[in-house]
Amino acid sequence: MNLNDDMVLMLDYYDKEIVRMICNKYGYTQKEALRKFLASETYRMLRTPRLAMWDFSPVGVFDMWESEQITGNPRNSLYIRRD
């Protein structure tokens, strides 16, 4: 997938914010946190323009990532389910 400049900037912003949150909550190094985030389904969803995930705050995307780590599916996040 070719990413346009706006998408690259958006991903950079989310990467930095979410990695910071992962490090703060779980004590991972930045490298470990980035590796875990980039390998996730949540990140694949974030890279998919048609899903418009930039409508979610970094906190929402972090919650999706965390839900994925706990349940195996980022779609179990309250930010998506809206329960």
C-alpha atoms as a PDB file:
ATOM      1  CA  MET A   1       0.000   0.000   0.000  1.00  0.00           C
ATOM      2  CA  ASN A   2       1.379   3.390  -0.966  1.00  0.00           C
ATOM      3  CA  LEU A   3       0.852   5.969   1.707  1.00  0.00           C
ATOM      4  CA  ASN A   4       0.370   9.628   0.917  1.00  0.00           C
ATOM      5  CA  ASP A   5       2.144  12.350   2.897  1.00  0.00           C
ATOM      6  CA  ASP A   6      -0.866  13.028   5.114  1.00  0.00           C
ATOM      7  CA  MET A   7      -1.158   9.351   6.002  1.00  0.00           C
ATOM      8  CA  VAL A   8       2.560   9.136   6.802  1.00  0.00           C
ATOM      9  CA  LEU A   9       2.276  12.137   9.136  1.00  0.00           C
ATOM     10  CA  MET A  10      -0.836  10.714  10.770  1.00  0.00           C
ATOM     11  CA  LEU A  11       0.811   7.336  11.349  1.00  0.00           C
ATOM     12  CA  ASP A  12       3.916   9.012  12.795  1.00  0.00           C
ATOM     13  CA  TYR A  13       1.745  10.944  15.255  1.00  0.00           C
ATOM     14  CA  TYR A  14      -0.188   7.843  16.341  1.00  0.00           C
ATOM     15  CA  ASP A  15       2.983   5.735  16.555  1.00  0.00           C
ATOM     16  CA  LYS A  16       4.635   8.195  18.930  1.00  0.00           C
ATOM     17  CA  GLU A  17       1.580   8.691  21.126  1.00  0.00           C
ATOM     18  CA  ILE A  18       0.619   5.033  21.390  1.00  0.00           C
ATOM     19  CA  VAL A  19       4.184   3.845  21.952  1.00  0.00           C
ATOM     20  CA  ARG A  20       4.451   6.395  24.780  1.00  0.00           C
ATOM     21  CA  MET A  21       1.229   5.032  26.326  1.00  0.00           C
ATOM     22  CA  ILE A  22       2.378   1.411  25.996  1.00  0.00           C
ATOM     23  CA  CYS A  23       5.734   2.268  27.620  1.00  0.00           C
ATOM     24  CA  ASN A  24       4.079   4.177  30.459  1.00  0.00           C
ATOM     25  CA  LYS A  25       1.517   1.502  31.247  1.00  0.00           C
ATOM     26  CA  TYR A  26       3.504  -1.683  30.618  1.00  0.00           C
ATOM     27  CA  GLY A  27       7.106  -0.617  31.193  1.00  0.00           C
ATOM     28  CA  TYR A  28       8.335  -1.742  27.785  1.00  0.00           C
ATOM     29  CA  THR A  29      11.241   0.009  26.131  1.00  0.00           C
ATOM     30  CA  GLN A  30      10.291   2.229  23.195  1.00  0.00           C
ATOM     31  CA  LYS A  31      11.700  -0.363  20.789  1.00  0.00           C
ATOM     32  CA  GLU A  32       9.666  -3.185  22.365  1.00  0.00           C
ATOM     33  CA  ALA A  33       6.501  -1.093  22.433  1.00  0.00           C
ATOM     34  CA  LEU A  34       6.922  -0.014  18.809  1.00  0.00           C
ATOM     35  CA  ARG A  35       7.539  -3.603  17.711  1.00  0.00           C
ATOM     36  CA  LYS A  36       4.400  -4.807  19.515  1.00  0.00           C
ATOM     37  CA  PHE A  37       2.276  -2.002  18.091  1.00  0.00           C
ATOM     38  CA  LEU A  38       3.543  -2.366  14.506  1.00  0.00           C
ATOM     39  CA  ALA A  39       2.909  -6.131  14.603  1.00  0.00           C
ATOM     40  CA  SER A  40      -0.694  -5.716  15.747  1.00  0.00           C
ATOM     41  CA  GLU A  41      -4.006  -5.990  13.938  1.00  0.00           C
ATOM     42  CA  THR A  42      -4.793  -2.576  15.417  1.00  0.00           C
ATOM     43  CA  TYR A  43      -1.892  -1.085  13.461  1.00  0.00           C
ATOM     44  CA  ARG A  44      -3.000  -2.840  10.263  1.00  0.00           C
ATOM     45  CA  MET A  45      -6.431  -1.299  10.770  1.00  0.00           C
ATOM     46  CA  LEU A  46      -4.898   2.128  11.390  1.00  0.00           C
ATOM     47  CA  ARG A  47      -3.002   1.852   8.069  1.00  0.00           C
ATOM     48  CA  THR A  48      -6.207   1.117   6.155  1.00  0.00           C
ATOM     49  CA  PRO A  49      -7.542   4.468   4.863  1.00  0.00           C
ATOM     50  CA  ARG A  50     -11.096   3.223   4.261  1.00  0.00           C
ATOM     51  CA  LEU A  51     -11.485   2.518   8.002  1.00  0.00           C
ATOM     52  CA  ALA A  52     -10.839   6.205   8.810  1.00  0.00           C
ATOM     53  CA  MET A  53      -9.289   5.330  12.167  1.00  0.00           C
ATOM     54  CA  TRP A  54      -7.925   8.871  12.505  1.00  0.00           C
ATOM     55  CA  ASP A  55     -11.435   9.699  13.743  1.00  0.00           C
ATOM     56  CA  PHE A  56     -10.317   8.003  16.979  1.00  0.00           C
ATOM     57  CA  SER A  57      -8.014   9.723  19.416  1.00  0.00           C
ATOM     58  CA  PRO A  58      -4.704   8.024  20.246  1.00  0.00           C
ATOM     59  CA  VAL A  59      -6.363   6.963  23.520  1.00  0.00           C
ATOM     60  CA  GLY A  60      -9.055   5.157  21.516  1.00  0.00           C
ATOM     61  CA  VAL A  61      -6.508   3.422  19.303  1.00  0.00           C
ATOM     62  CA  PHE A  62      -4.503   2.479  22.406  1.00  0.00           C
ATOM     63  CA  ASP A  63      -7.658   0.970  23.896  1.00  0.00           C
ATOM     64  CA  MET A  64      -8.132  -1.036  20.711  1.00  0.00           C
ATOM     65  CA  TRP A  65      -4.521  -2.246  20.880  1.00  0.00           C
ATOM     66  CA  GLU A  66      -4.935  -3.159  24.546  1.00  0.00           C
ATOM     67  CA  SER A  67      -8.196  -5.017  23.816  1.00  0.00           C
ATOM     68  CA  GLU A  68      -6.358  -6.927  21.110  1.00  0.00           C
ATOM     69  CA  GLN A  69      -3.625  -7.905  23.574  1.00  0.00           C
ATOM     70  CA  ILE A  70      -6.181  -9.112  26.128  1.00  0.00           C
ATOM     71  CA  THR A  71      -8.869 -10.685  23.920  1.00  0.00           C
ATOM     72  CA  GLY A  72      -7.068 -11.249  20.626  1.00  0.00           C
ATOM     73  CA  ASN A  73      -9.352  -8.847  18.760  1.00  0.00           C
ATOM     74  CA  PRO A  74      -9.127  -5.032  18.645  1.00  0.00           C
ATOM     75  CA  ARG A  75     -12.796  -4.919  17.689  1.00  0.00           C
ATOM     76  CA  ASN A  76     -13.647  -5.809  21.293  1.00  0.00           C
ATOM     77  CA  SER A  77     -12.670  -2.279  22.305  1.00  0.00           C
ATOM     78  CA  LEU A  78     -15.446  -0.121  23.700  1.00  0.00           C
ATOM     79  CA  TYR A  79     -14.376   2.543  21.194  1.00  0.00           C
ATOM     80  CA  ILE A  80     -15.595   0.314  18.376  1.00  0.00           C
ATOM     81  CA  ARG A  81     -18.456  -1.505  20.087  1.00  0.00           C
ATOM     82  CA  ARG A  82     -19.828   1.707  21.600  1.00  0.00           C
ATOM     83  CA  ASP A  83     -21.621  -0.287  24.321  1.00  0.00           C
END
